[in-house]
Amino acid sequence: MNSRSAGFTLLELTVALTILVVVAGLVVVRLNLGSERHQTINAARKLGNMLTTYREKAMAEECVYAVRLDSDSGKYAVFQPAECNPSLLDTLQPLKNVALGPPLHFGKLQSNSVIFFEPKGLLDELNIDVVGNNGSTVGLTLDPVINEVHYDEH
């Protein structure tokens, strides 16, 4: 006599759960849940990495680098001027031009803000906000003494 109780085997449950997880993963990827928030975070980290790189280069190469942030277009450019003079930047070709991305922009900036990195490596404490259309904001704070960027997601 075969006395099998009603229910599912462990193998059947494992296969069903695997199929459910794969389908749920495809749905999340297809819907791009949280993508604008992640895009804001990634753009802020990319900007922060670039700022620390050029600050380090200015100290290592003993020269001046400048980063101009354009709040209207959401773009930033890197220059290598002879001195810390914002008017010189208009006569120079940028070393690098980067756009934050279409839905992103800078918050709390004057129209064109310029950050100068000098060989000494010191600068005033600087706060920059990267803002997405959905209101997600990542604040960057450049440490005035050490070459570090602190991020604050709000």
Protein backbone atom coordinates (compact mmCIF):
# COMPACT_ATOMS: atom_id res chain seq x y z
CA MET A 1 0.00 0.00 0.00
CA ASN A 2 1.36 3.40 -1.00
CA SER A 3 0.78 5.86 1.81
CA ARG A 4 1.98 9.11 0.35
CA SER A 5 0.73 12.19 2.14
CA ALA A 6 -0.58 15.16 0.19
CA GLY A 7 1.83 18.04 -0.40
CA PHE A 8 4.86 19.05 -2.41
CA THR A 9 8.33 17.57 -2.39
CA LEU A 10 11.37 19.65 -1.55
CA LEU A 11 12.47 19.49 -5.18
CA GLU A 12 9.15 20.85 -6.44
CA LEU A 13 9.26 23.73 -3.95
CA THR A 14 12.85 24.58 -4.90
CA VAL A 15 12.03 24.68 -8.63
CA ALA A 16 8.94 26.85 -8.05
CA LEU A 17 10.88 29.25 -5.82
CA THR A 18 13.72 29.51 -8.36
CA ILE A 19 11.28 30.38 -11.15
CA LEU A 20 9.62 32.99 -8.92
CA VAL A 21 12.97 34.64 -8.06
CA VAL A 22 14.05 34.79 -11.73
CA VAL A 23 10.74 36.33 -12.83
CA ALA A 24 10.83 38.88 -9.97
CA GLY A 25 14.41 39.82 -10.91
CA LEU A 26 13.38 40.41 -14.52
CA VAL A 27 10.47 42.59 -13.44
CA VAL A 28 12.71 44.76 -11.21
CA VAL A 29 15.27 45.21 -14.00
CA ARG A 30 12.56 45.97 -16.55
CA LEU A 31 10.91 48.60 -14.33
CA ASN A 32 14.26 50.23 -13.34
CA LEU A 33 13.08 50.67 -9.77
CA GLY A 34 15.17 53.30 -7.99
CA SER A 35 17.21 54.11 -11.09
CA GLU A 36 16.97 57.92 -10.83
CA ARG A 37 18.11 57.83 -7.21
CA HIS A 38 21.01 55.56 -8.16
CA GLN A 39 21.83 57.79 -11.11
CA THR A 40 22.05 60.78 -8.74
CA ILE A 41 24.32 58.85 -6.36
CA ASN A 42 26.56 57.64 -9.20
CA ALA A 43 26.88 61.13 -10.70
CA ALA A 44 27.81 62.58 -7.29
CA ARG A 45 30.42 59.87 -6.71
CA LYS A 46 31.86 60.39 -10.20
CA LEU A 47 32.16 64.13 -9.52
CA GLY A 48 33.70 63.49 -6.08
CA ASN A 49 36.26 61.07 -7.52
CA MET A 50 37.20 63.56 -10.22
CA LEU A 51 37.62 66.37 -7.66
CA THR A 52 39.92 64.28 -5.46
CA THR A 53 41.91 63.16 -8.52
CA TYR A 54 42.62 66.70 -9.74
CA ARG A 55 43.33 67.98 -6.24
CA GLU A 56 45.91 65.20 -5.89
CA LYS A 57 47.33 65.96 -9.35
CA ALA A 58 47.72 69.65 -8.46
CA MET A 59 49.79 68.73 -5.41
CA ALA A 60 51.85 66.04 -7.18
CA GLU A 61 52.56 68.10 -10.33
CA GLU A 62 52.83 71.41 -8.42
CA CYS A 63 50.48 73.21 -10.78
CA VAL A 64 46.98 74.70 -10.72
CA TYR A 65 43.84 72.90 -11.86
CA ALA A 66 40.39 74.44 -12.03
CA VAL A 67 36.95 72.86 -12.15
CA ARG A 68 34.08 74.99 -13.42
CA LEU A 69 30.58 73.86 -12.42
CA ASP A 70 27.75 75.14 -14.60
CA SER A 71 24.47 74.98 -12.69
CA ASP A 72 22.38 75.86 -15.75
CA SER A 73 23.53 72.96 -17.94
CA GLY A 74 24.51 70.48 -15.22
CA LYS A 75 28.01 70.19 -16.71
CA TYR A 76 31.48 70.57 -15.29
CA ALA A 77 34.84 71.10 -16.98
CA VAL A 78 38.46 70.75 -15.87
CA PHE A 79 41.12 73.28 -16.88
CA GLN A 80 44.82 73.81 -16.22
CA PRO A 81 45.28 77.59 -15.97
CA ALA A 82 48.60 79.28 -15.17
CA GLU A 83 47.09 80.95 -12.09
CA CYS A 84 43.90 81.11 -10.03
CA ASN A 85 42.02 83.55 -12.21
CA PRO A 86 38.47 82.61 -13.35
CA SER A 87 38.62 84.88 -16.41
CA LEU A 88 41.52 82.81 -17.82
CA LEU A 89 39.26 79.78 -18.18
CA ASP A 90 37.37 81.29 -21.11
CA THR A 91 40.59 81.37 -23.13
CA LEU A 92 41.55 77.74 -22.43
CA GLN A 93 40.43 74.44 -23.88
CA PRO A 94 39.06 72.17 -21.14
CA LEU A 95 41.04 69.03 -20.33
CA LYS A 96 37.76 67.28 -19.59
CA ASN A 97 34.07 68.09 -20.14
CA VAL A 98 31.46 66.05 -18.27
CA ALA A 99 27.66 66.26 -18.07
CA LEU A 100 25.85 65.00 -14.98
CA GLY A 101 23.10 63.55 -17.15
CA PRO A 102 19.78 64.90 -18.48
CA PRO A 103 17.64 64.72 -15.33
CA LEU A 104 20.42 65.89 -12.98
CA HIS A 105 21.65 69.34 -12.03
CA PHE A 106 23.64 71.15 -9.35
CA GLY A 107 21.85 72.71 -6.42
CA LYS A 108 22.90 75.80 -4.44
CA LEU A 109 25.43 77.15 -6.96
CA GLN A 110 25.98 80.48 -8.55
CA SER A 111 25.68 80.35 -12.34
CA ASN A 112 29.31 79.33 -12.88
CA SER A 113 31.24 78.28 -9.80
CA VAL A 114 34.97 77.63 -10.10
CA ILE A 115 37.05 75.49 -7.76
CA PHE A 116 40.81 75.99 -7.89
CA PHE A 117 43.19 73.27 -6.77
CA GLU A 118 46.61 74.63 -5.91
CA PRO A 119 49.90 72.80 -5.21
CA LYS A 120 49.49 73.37 -1.44
CA GLY A 121 46.27 71.34 -1.53
CA LEU A 122 44.37 73.64 0.83
CA LEU A 123 40.97 75.07 -0.03
CA ASP A 124 37.91 76.50 1.64
CA GLU A 125 35.31 73.98 2.78
CA LEU A 126 33.07 73.42 -0.19
CA ASN A 127 29.57 71.96 -0.41
CA ILE A 128 28.03 70.86 -3.71
CA ASP A 129 24.59 69.30 -4.17
CA VAL A 130 23.71 67.00 -7.07
CA VAL A 131 19.93 66.97 -7.48
CA GLY A 132 17.67 64.64 -9.48
CA ASN A 133 14.25 65.51 -10.88
CA ASN A 134 12.58 63.26 -8.31
CA GLY A 135 14.07 65.40 -5.51
CA SER A 136 16.80 62.96 -4.52
CA THR A 137 19.86 64.93 -3.47
CA VAL A 138 23.43 63.91 -2.75
CA GLY A 139 25.58 66.49 -0.99
CA LEU A 140 29.35 66.50 -1.47
CA THR A 141 31.59 68.18 1.08
CA LEU A 142 35.26 68.63 0.22
CA ASP A 143 37.47 68.53 3.27
CA PRO A 144 39.57 71.73 3.39
CA VAL A 145 42.73 70.02 4.66
CA ILE A 146 42.83 66.40 3.53
CA ASN A 147 41.93 65.12 0.08
CA GLU A 148 38.59 63.58 1.01
CA VAL A 149 35.00 63.97 -0.09
CA HIS A 150 32.10 63.22 2.27
CA TYR A 151 28.72 62.26 0.79
CA ASP A 152 25.32 62.90 2.33
CA GLU A 153 22.23 61.40 0.69
CA HIS A 154 18.99 63.19 1.50
